[in-house]
């Protein structure tokens, strides 16, 4: 991600002659901060729900890359960065619902699912393949 940020920073520095590129620098800085803070703080956690929360913070930074790209003229909906960000939000939201759903399912079956150590050995515990 640092490489992507560096390339975006270099491009916005070269093309700094308008207000739009200054705005891109602000978005780029927020993007970098969100990704870094979310990932670093998420690595320090052992609670699964907190890890998913910090993952959401870092993924908001990834979504800002699409906002930074923005709409491209004449490319249709597949070349629009804002459409890509909306698609990413929907897919990431569904993934998070699934992750929290699995945690709720484990809790309803009497298995503690709060800490990372609680998730060890799930394949042998649930016998999904029998």
N, C-alpha and C. Protein backbone atom coordinates (compact mmCIF):
# COMPACT_ATOMS: atom_id res chain seq x y z
N UNK A 1 0.82 -1.18 0.00
CA UNK A 1 0.00 0.00 0.00
C UNK A 1 0.87 1.26 0.00
N UNK A 2 2.02 1.16 0.63
CA UNK A 2 2.91 2.33 0.63
C UNK A 2 3.35 2.66 -0.79
N UNK A 3 3.55 1.64 -1.63
CA UNK A 3 3.96 1.88 -3.00
C UNK A 3 2.85 2.62 -3.76
N UNK A 4 1.61 2.19 -3.57
CA UNK A 4 0.48 2.85 -4.23
C UNK A 4 0.39 4.29 -3.77
N UNK A 5 0.53 4.50 -2.45
CA UNK A 5 0.46 5.86 -1.93
C UNK A 5 1.60 6.71 -2.51
N UNK A 6 2.79 6.15 -2.59
CA UNK A 6 3.93 6.91 -3.12
C UNK A 6 3.71 7.30 -4.57
N UNK A 7 3.16 6.38 -5.36
CA UNK A 7 2.89 6.69 -6.77
C UNK A 7 1.82 7.78 -6.87
N UNK A 8 0.76 7.65 -6.08
CA UNK A 8 -0.29 8.67 -6.10
C UNK A 8 0.23 10.03 -5.65
N UNK A 9 1.09 10.02 -4.65
CA UNK A 9 1.68 11.27 -4.16
C UNK A 9 2.56 11.91 -5.23
N UNK A 10 3.33 11.10 -5.92
CA UNK A 10 4.20 11.63 -6.97
C UNK A 10 3.38 12.21 -8.11
N UNK A 11 2.33 11.51 -8.53
CA UNK A 11 1.49 12.01 -9.61
C UNK A 11 0.81 13.31 -9.20
N UNK A 12 0.29 13.38 -7.97
CA UNK A 12 -0.38 14.61 -7.55
C UNK A 12 0.63 15.75 -7.38
N UNK A 13 1.88 15.44 -7.05
CA UNK A 13 2.90 16.48 -6.94
C UNK A 13 3.24 17.05 -8.30
N UNK A 14 3.30 16.19 -9.31
CA UNK A 14 3.62 16.65 -10.66
C UNK A 14 2.49 17.52 -11.20
N UNK A 15 1.26 17.12 -10.91
CA UNK A 15 0.10 17.81 -11.47
C UNK A 15 -0.58 18.73 -10.46
N UNK A 16 0.19 19.41 -9.64
CA UNK A 16 -0.34 20.17 -8.52
C UNK A 16 -0.93 21.52 -8.90
N UNK A 17 -1.10 21.83 -10.15
CA UNK A 17 -1.47 23.17 -10.55
C UNK A 17 -2.94 23.51 -10.34
N UNK A 18 -3.77 22.59 -9.87
CA UNK A 18 -5.18 22.95 -9.66
C UNK A 18 -5.65 22.51 -8.28
N UNK A 19 -6.81 23.00 -7.89
CA UNK A 19 -7.37 22.69 -6.57
C UNK A 19 -7.73 21.22 -6.46
N UNK A 20 -8.13 20.59 -7.56
CA UNK A 20 -8.53 19.19 -7.52
C UNK A 20 -7.39 18.31 -7.03
N UNK A 21 -6.18 18.61 -7.45
CA UNK A 21 -5.06 17.79 -7.03
C UNK A 21 -4.67 18.06 -5.58
N UNK A 22 -4.93 19.26 -5.09
CA UNK A 22 -4.71 19.53 -3.67
C UNK A 22 -5.70 18.72 -2.84
N UNK A 23 -6.94 18.63 -3.31
CA UNK A 23 -7.92 17.79 -2.64
C UNK A 23 -7.49 16.33 -2.66
N UNK A 24 -6.89 15.91 -3.76
CA UNK A 24 -6.40 14.53 -3.85
C UNK A 24 -5.32 14.27 -2.81
N UNK A 25 -4.51 15.25 -2.51
CA UNK A 25 -3.50 15.07 -1.48
C UNK A 25 -4.14 14.86 -0.11
N UNK A 26 -5.19 15.60 0.18
CA UNK A 26 -5.89 15.43 1.46
C UNK A 26 -6.49 14.03 1.54
N UNK A 27 -7.12 13.59 0.46
CA UNK A 27 -7.69 12.24 0.43
C UNK A 27 -6.59 11.20 0.54
N UNK A 28 -5.47 11.43 -0.12
CA UNK A 28 -4.35 10.48 -0.05
C UNK A 28 -3.81 10.37 1.36
N UNK A 29 -3.69 11.49 2.05
CA UNK A 29 -3.19 11.45 3.42
C UNK A 29 -4.17 10.73 4.34
N UNK A 30 -5.46 11.00 4.17
CA UNK A 30 -6.47 10.30 4.98
C UNK A 30 -6.45 8.81 4.67
N UNK A 31 -6.28 8.49 3.40
CA UNK A 31 -6.17 7.10 2.97
C UNK A 31 -5.00 6.40 3.65
N UNK A 32 -3.85 7.02 3.63
CA UNK A 32 -2.66 6.44 4.25
C UNK A 32 -2.83 6.27 5.76
N UNK A 33 -3.39 7.28 6.41
CA UNK A 33 -3.57 7.21 7.86
C UNK A 33 -4.57 6.11 8.22
N UNK A 34 -5.68 6.02 7.49
CA UNK A 34 -6.69 5.00 7.80
C UNK A 34 -6.13 3.60 7.62
N UNK A 35 -5.39 3.38 6.54
CA UNK A 35 -4.81 2.06 6.30
C UNK A 35 -3.78 1.71 7.36
N UNK A 36 -2.92 2.64 7.68
CA UNK A 36 -1.86 2.37 8.64
C UNK A 36 -2.42 2.14 10.04
N UNK A 37 -3.26 3.04 10.50
CA UNK A 37 -3.82 2.93 11.85
C UNK A 37 -4.66 1.66 11.98
N UNK A 38 -5.52 1.40 11.00
CA UNK A 38 -6.36 0.21 11.06
C UNK A 38 -5.56 -1.08 11.09
N UNK A 39 -4.54 -1.17 10.26
CA UNK A 39 -3.75 -2.39 10.20
C UNK A 39 -2.86 -2.57 11.43
N UNK A 40 -2.19 -1.52 11.85
CA UNK A 40 -1.28 -1.63 12.99
C UNK A 40 -2.05 -1.92 14.27
N UNK A 41 -3.13 -1.20 14.52
CA UNK A 41 -3.90 -1.46 15.73
C UNK A 41 -4.62 -2.80 15.67
N UNK A 42 -5.01 -3.23 14.48
CA UNK A 42 -5.64 -4.54 14.34
C UNK A 42 -4.68 -5.67 14.64
N UNK A 43 -3.42 -5.50 14.31
CA UNK A 43 -2.41 -6.53 14.59
C UNK A 43 -2.17 -6.71 16.08
N UNK A 44 -2.46 -5.70 16.87
CA UNK A 44 -2.22 -5.78 18.32
C UNK A 44 -3.39 -6.40 19.08
N UNK A 45 -4.49 -6.69 18.40
CA UNK A 45 -5.69 -7.17 19.07
C UNK A 45 -5.72 -8.70 19.14
N UNK A 46 -6.41 -9.21 20.14
CA UNK A 46 -6.68 -10.65 20.21
C UNK A 46 -8.18 -10.91 20.19
N UNK A 47 -9.00 -9.87 20.38
CA UNK A 47 -10.44 -10.01 20.32
C UNK A 47 -10.88 -9.98 18.85
N UNK A 48 -11.65 -10.99 18.44
CA UNK A 48 -12.02 -11.13 17.04
C UNK A 48 -12.89 -9.96 16.57
N UNK A 49 -13.81 -9.51 17.38
CA UNK A 49 -14.69 -8.40 16.98
C UNK A 49 -13.90 -7.10 16.83
N UNK A 50 -12.92 -6.90 17.67
CA UNK A 50 -12.08 -5.71 17.53
C UNK A 50 -11.22 -5.80 16.27
N UNK A 51 -10.74 -6.99 15.97
CA UNK A 51 -9.96 -7.17 14.73
C UNK A 51 -10.82 -6.81 13.53
N UNK A 52 -12.07 -7.28 13.51
CA UNK A 52 -12.96 -6.94 12.41
C UNK A 52 -13.25 -5.45 12.37
N UNK A 53 -13.35 -4.81 13.52
CA UNK A 53 -13.56 -3.36 13.57
C UNK A 53 -12.38 -2.59 13.00
N UNK A 54 -11.18 -2.95 13.41
CA UNK A 54 -10.00 -2.28 12.87
C UNK A 54 -9.80 -2.61 11.39
N UNK A 55 -10.25 -3.78 10.98
CA UNK A 55 -10.21 -4.12 9.56
C UNK A 55 -11.11 -3.17 8.77
N UNK A 56 -12.24 -2.82 9.33
CA UNK A 56 -13.14 -1.88 8.66
C UNK A 56 -12.50 -0.50 8.52
N UNK A 57 -11.74 -0.10 9.53
CA UNK A 57 -11.04 1.19 9.44
C UNK A 57 -10.03 1.16 8.30
N UNK A 58 -9.25 0.09 8.22
CA UNK A 58 -8.25 0.03 7.15
C UNK A 58 -8.91 -0.12 5.78
N UNK A 59 -10.02 -0.83 5.70
CA UNK A 59 -10.70 -0.97 4.42
C UNK A 59 -11.35 0.34 3.97
N UNK A 60 -11.67 1.22 4.90
CA UNK A 60 -12.16 2.53 4.47
C UNK A 60 -11.06 3.28 3.73
N UNK A 61 -9.82 3.05 4.14
CA UNK A 61 -8.69 3.63 3.41
C UNK A 61 -8.56 3.05 2.02
N UNK A 62 -8.79 1.74 1.89
CA UNK A 62 -8.73 1.12 0.57
C UNK A 62 -9.85 1.64 -0.33
N UNK A 63 -11.02 1.89 0.24
CA UNK A 63 -12.13 2.44 -0.54
C UNK A 63 -11.82 3.85 -1.02
N UNK A 64 -11.05 4.59 -0.24
CA UNK A 64 -10.70 5.95 -0.64
C UNK A 64 -9.82 5.97 -1.89
N UNK A 65 -9.13 4.89 -2.16
CA UNK A 65 -8.35 4.82 -3.41
C UNK A 65 -9.28 4.94 -4.60
N UNK A 66 -10.43 4.24 -4.54
CA UNK A 66 -11.40 4.34 -5.63
C UNK A 66 -11.99 5.74 -5.72
N UNK A 67 -12.23 6.37 -4.59
CA UNK A 67 -12.74 7.75 -4.59
C UNK A 67 -11.69 8.68 -5.19
N UNK A 68 -10.44 8.41 -4.89
CA UNK A 68 -9.35 9.22 -5.42
C UNK A 68 -9.26 9.11 -6.93
N UNK A 69 -9.48 7.92 -7.45
CA UNK A 69 -9.46 7.72 -8.90
C UNK A 69 -10.62 8.46 -9.54
N UNK A 70 -11.80 8.34 -8.93
CA UNK A 70 -12.97 9.08 -9.39
C UNK A 70 -13.47 8.64 -10.75
N UNK A 71 -14.39 9.39 -11.29
CA UNK A 71 -14.96 9.04 -12.60
C UNK A 71 -13.98 9.31 -13.73
N UNK A 72 -14.02 8.46 -14.73
CA UNK A 72 -13.19 8.61 -15.92
C UNK A 72 -14.13 8.89 -17.09
N UNK A 73 -13.83 9.88 -17.90
CA UNK A 73 -14.71 10.25 -19.00
C UNK A 73 -14.77 9.15 -20.05
N UNK A 74 -15.99 8.88 -20.51
CA UNK A 74 -16.19 7.98 -21.64
C UNK A 74 -15.92 6.52 -21.37
N UNK A 75 -15.78 6.14 -20.14
CA UNK A 75 -15.44 4.75 -19.88
C UNK A 75 -16.61 3.89 -19.47
N UNK A 76 -17.76 4.47 -19.23
CA UNK A 76 -18.90 3.69 -18.78
C UNK A 76 -18.77 3.36 -17.30
N UNK A 77 -19.72 2.57 -16.80
CA UNK A 77 -19.74 2.30 -15.36
C UNK A 77 -18.57 1.46 -14.86
N UNK A 78 -17.93 0.69 -15.73
CA UNK A 78 -16.83 -0.15 -15.29
C UNK A 78 -15.54 0.63 -15.10
N UNK A 79 -15.47 1.84 -15.59
CA UNK A 79 -14.26 2.65 -15.42
C UNK A 79 -14.47 3.77 -14.43
N UNK A 80 -15.51 3.70 -13.66
CA UNK A 80 -15.83 4.75 -12.71
C UNK A 80 -15.35 4.30 -11.32
N UNK A 81 -14.43 5.05 -10.74
CA UNK A 81 -13.91 4.70 -9.43
C UNK A 81 -14.95 4.77 -8.34
N UNK A 82 -15.90 5.68 -8.48
CA UNK A 82 -16.96 5.79 -7.47
C UNK A 82 -17.88 4.58 -7.50
N UNK A 83 -18.17 4.06 -8.70
CA UNK A 83 -18.96 2.83 -8.79
C UNK A 83 -18.20 1.66 -8.18
N UNK A 84 -16.90 1.64 -8.39
CA UNK A 84 -16.08 0.58 -7.80
C UNK A 84 -16.10 0.67 -6.27
N UNK A 85 -16.08 1.89 -5.74
CA UNK A 85 -16.13 2.06 -4.28
C UNK A 85 -17.48 1.58 -3.73
N UNK A 86 -18.56 1.89 -4.42
CA UNK A 86 -19.88 1.44 -3.98
C UNK A 86 -19.97 -0.08 -4.01
N UNK A 87 -19.47 -0.69 -5.07
CA UNK A 87 -19.46 -2.15 -5.16
C UNK A 87 -18.63 -2.75 -4.02
N UNK A 88 -17.49 -2.14 -3.75
CA UNK A 88 -16.61 -2.61 -2.68
C UNK A 88 -17.30 -2.52 -1.32
N UNK A 89 -18.03 -1.44 -1.09
CA UNK A 89 -18.75 -1.26 0.17
C UNK A 89 -19.80 -2.36 0.34
N UNK A 90 -20.54 -2.66 -0.71
CA UNK A 90 -21.58 -3.69 -0.64
C UNK A 90 -20.96 -5.06 -0.37
N UNK A 91 -19.94 -5.40 -1.12
CA UNK A 91 -19.30 -6.72 -0.95
C UNK A 91 -18.64 -6.82 0.43
N UNK A 92 -17.96 -5.78 0.86
CA UNK A 92 -17.31 -5.81 2.17
C UNK A 92 -18.34 -5.88 3.29
N UNK A 93 -19.45 -5.18 3.13
CA UNK A 93 -20.52 -5.26 4.12
C UNK A 93 -21.09 -6.67 4.23
N UNK A 94 -21.31 -7.33 3.10
CA UNK A 94 -21.80 -8.71 3.13
C UNK A 94 -20.79 -9.65 3.77
N UNK A 95 -19.51 -9.42 3.48
CA UNK A 95 -18.47 -10.25 4.09
C UNK A 95 -18.44 -10.08 5.60
N UNK A 96 -18.58 -8.85 6.06
CA UNK A 96 -18.58 -8.59 7.50
C UNK A 96 -19.81 -9.20 8.17
N UNK A 97 -20.96 -9.13 7.50
CA UNK A 97 -22.16 -9.78 8.04
C UNK A 97 -21.93 -11.29 8.18
N UNK A 98 -21.28 -11.88 7.18
CA UNK A 98 -20.97 -13.31 7.25
C UNK A 98 -20.01 -13.63 8.38
N UNK A 99 -19.00 -12.80 8.56
CA UNK A 99 -18.02 -13.04 9.64
C UNK A 99 -18.68 -12.95 11.01
N UNK A 100 -19.49 -11.91 11.22
CA UNK A 100 -20.19 -11.78 12.49
C UNK A 100 -21.25 -12.87 12.66
N UNK A 101 -21.83 -13.32 11.54
CA UNK A 101 -22.78 -14.42 11.59
C UNK A 101 -22.14 -15.71 12.06
N UNK A 102 -20.92 -15.98 11.59
CA UNK A 102 -20.19 -17.18 12.03
C UNK A 102 -19.89 -17.08 13.52
N UNK A 103 -19.49 -15.91 13.99
CA UNK A 103 -19.24 -15.75 15.42
C UNK A 103 -20.50 -15.96 16.24
N UNK A 104 -21.64 -15.47 15.74
CA UNK A 104 -22.90 -15.66 16.44
C UNK A 104 -23.31 -17.14 16.43
N UNK A 105 -23.07 -17.82 15.33
CA UNK A 105 -23.38 -19.25 15.24
C UNK A 105 -22.55 -20.06 16.23
N UNK A 106 -21.27 -19.72 16.33
CA UNK A 106 -20.40 -20.42 17.28
C UNK A 106 -20.87 -20.17 18.72
N UNK A 107 -21.27 -18.95 18.99
CA UNK A 107 -21.74 -18.64 20.35
C UNK A 107 -23.04 -19.39 20.66
N UNK A 108 -23.92 -19.51 19.66
CA UNK A 108 -25.19 -20.21 19.91
C UNK A 108 -24.97 -21.71 20.12
N UNK A 109 -23.87 -22.25 19.61
CA UNK A 109 -23.55 -23.66 19.82
C UNK A 109 -22.75 -23.89 21.10
N UNK A 110 -22.58 -22.84 21.88
CA UNK A 110 -21.90 -22.99 23.16
C UNK A 110 -20.40 -22.84 23.11
N UNK A 111 -19.85 -22.46 21.97
CA UNK A 111 -18.41 -22.27 21.83
C UNK A 111 -18.11 -20.79 21.98
N UNK A 112 -17.23 -20.46 22.92
CA UNK A 112 -16.82 -19.06 23.07
C UNK A 112 -16.09 -18.62 21.82
N UNK A 113 -16.42 -17.44 21.31
CA UNK A 113 -15.82 -16.97 20.07
C UNK A 113 -15.41 -15.51 20.20
N UNK A 114 -14.79 -15.15 21.32
CA UNK A 114 -14.38 -13.77 21.53
C UNK A 114 -12.92 -13.54 21.19
N UNK A 115 -12.06 -14.45 21.59
CA UNK A 115 -10.61 -14.30 21.39
C UNK A 115 -10.13 -15.20 20.27
N UNK A 116 -8.96 -14.89 19.72
CA UNK A 116 -8.40 -15.71 18.66
C UNK A 116 -8.15 -17.14 19.11
N UNK A 117 -7.73 -17.32 20.36
CA UNK A 117 -7.49 -18.67 20.88
C UNK A 117 -8.76 -19.50 20.94
N UNK A 118 -9.90 -18.83 21.06
CA UNK A 118 -11.18 -19.55 21.11
C UNK A 118 -11.52 -20.18 19.77
N UNK A 119 -10.95 -19.68 18.69
CA UNK A 119 -11.27 -20.19 17.36
C UNK A 119 -10.37 -21.35 16.94
N UNK A 120 -9.38 -21.68 17.75
CA UNK A 120 -8.48 -22.79 17.43
C UNK A 120 -9.21 -24.12 17.48
N UNK A 121 -8.97 -24.98 16.49
CA UNK A 121 -9.54 -26.32 16.49
C UNK A 121 -10.99 -26.40 16.08
N UNK A 122 -11.50 -25.42 15.35
CA UNK A 122 -12.91 -25.44 14.95
C UNK A 122 -13.22 -26.59 14.00
N UNK A 123 -12.29 -26.97 13.17
CA UNK A 123 -12.55 -28.05 12.21
C UNK A 123 -12.83 -29.37 12.93
N UNK A 124 -12.14 -29.63 14.01
CA UNK A 124 -12.38 -30.87 14.75
C UNK A 124 -13.58 -30.75 15.68
N UNK A 125 -13.88 -29.56 16.13
CA UNK A 125 -14.99 -29.37 17.06
C UNK A 125 -16.34 -29.49 16.38
N UNK A 126 -16.49 -28.88 15.21
CA UNK A 126 -17.79 -28.82 14.56
C UNK A 126 -18.07 -30.02 13.64
N UNK A 127 -17.07 -30.75 13.23
CA UNK A 127 -17.21 -31.91 12.35
C UNK A 127 -18.09 -31.58 11.14
N UNK A 128 -17.68 -30.60 10.39
CA UNK A 128 -18.46 -30.18 9.22
C UNK A 128 -18.40 -31.17 8.08
N UNK A 129 -17.42 -32.03 8.05
CA UNK A 129 -17.24 -32.93 6.93
C UNK A 129 -17.84 -34.31 7.16
N UNK A 130 -18.51 -34.53 8.26
CA UNK A 130 -19.13 -35.84 8.52
C UNK A 130 -20.52 -35.92 7.99
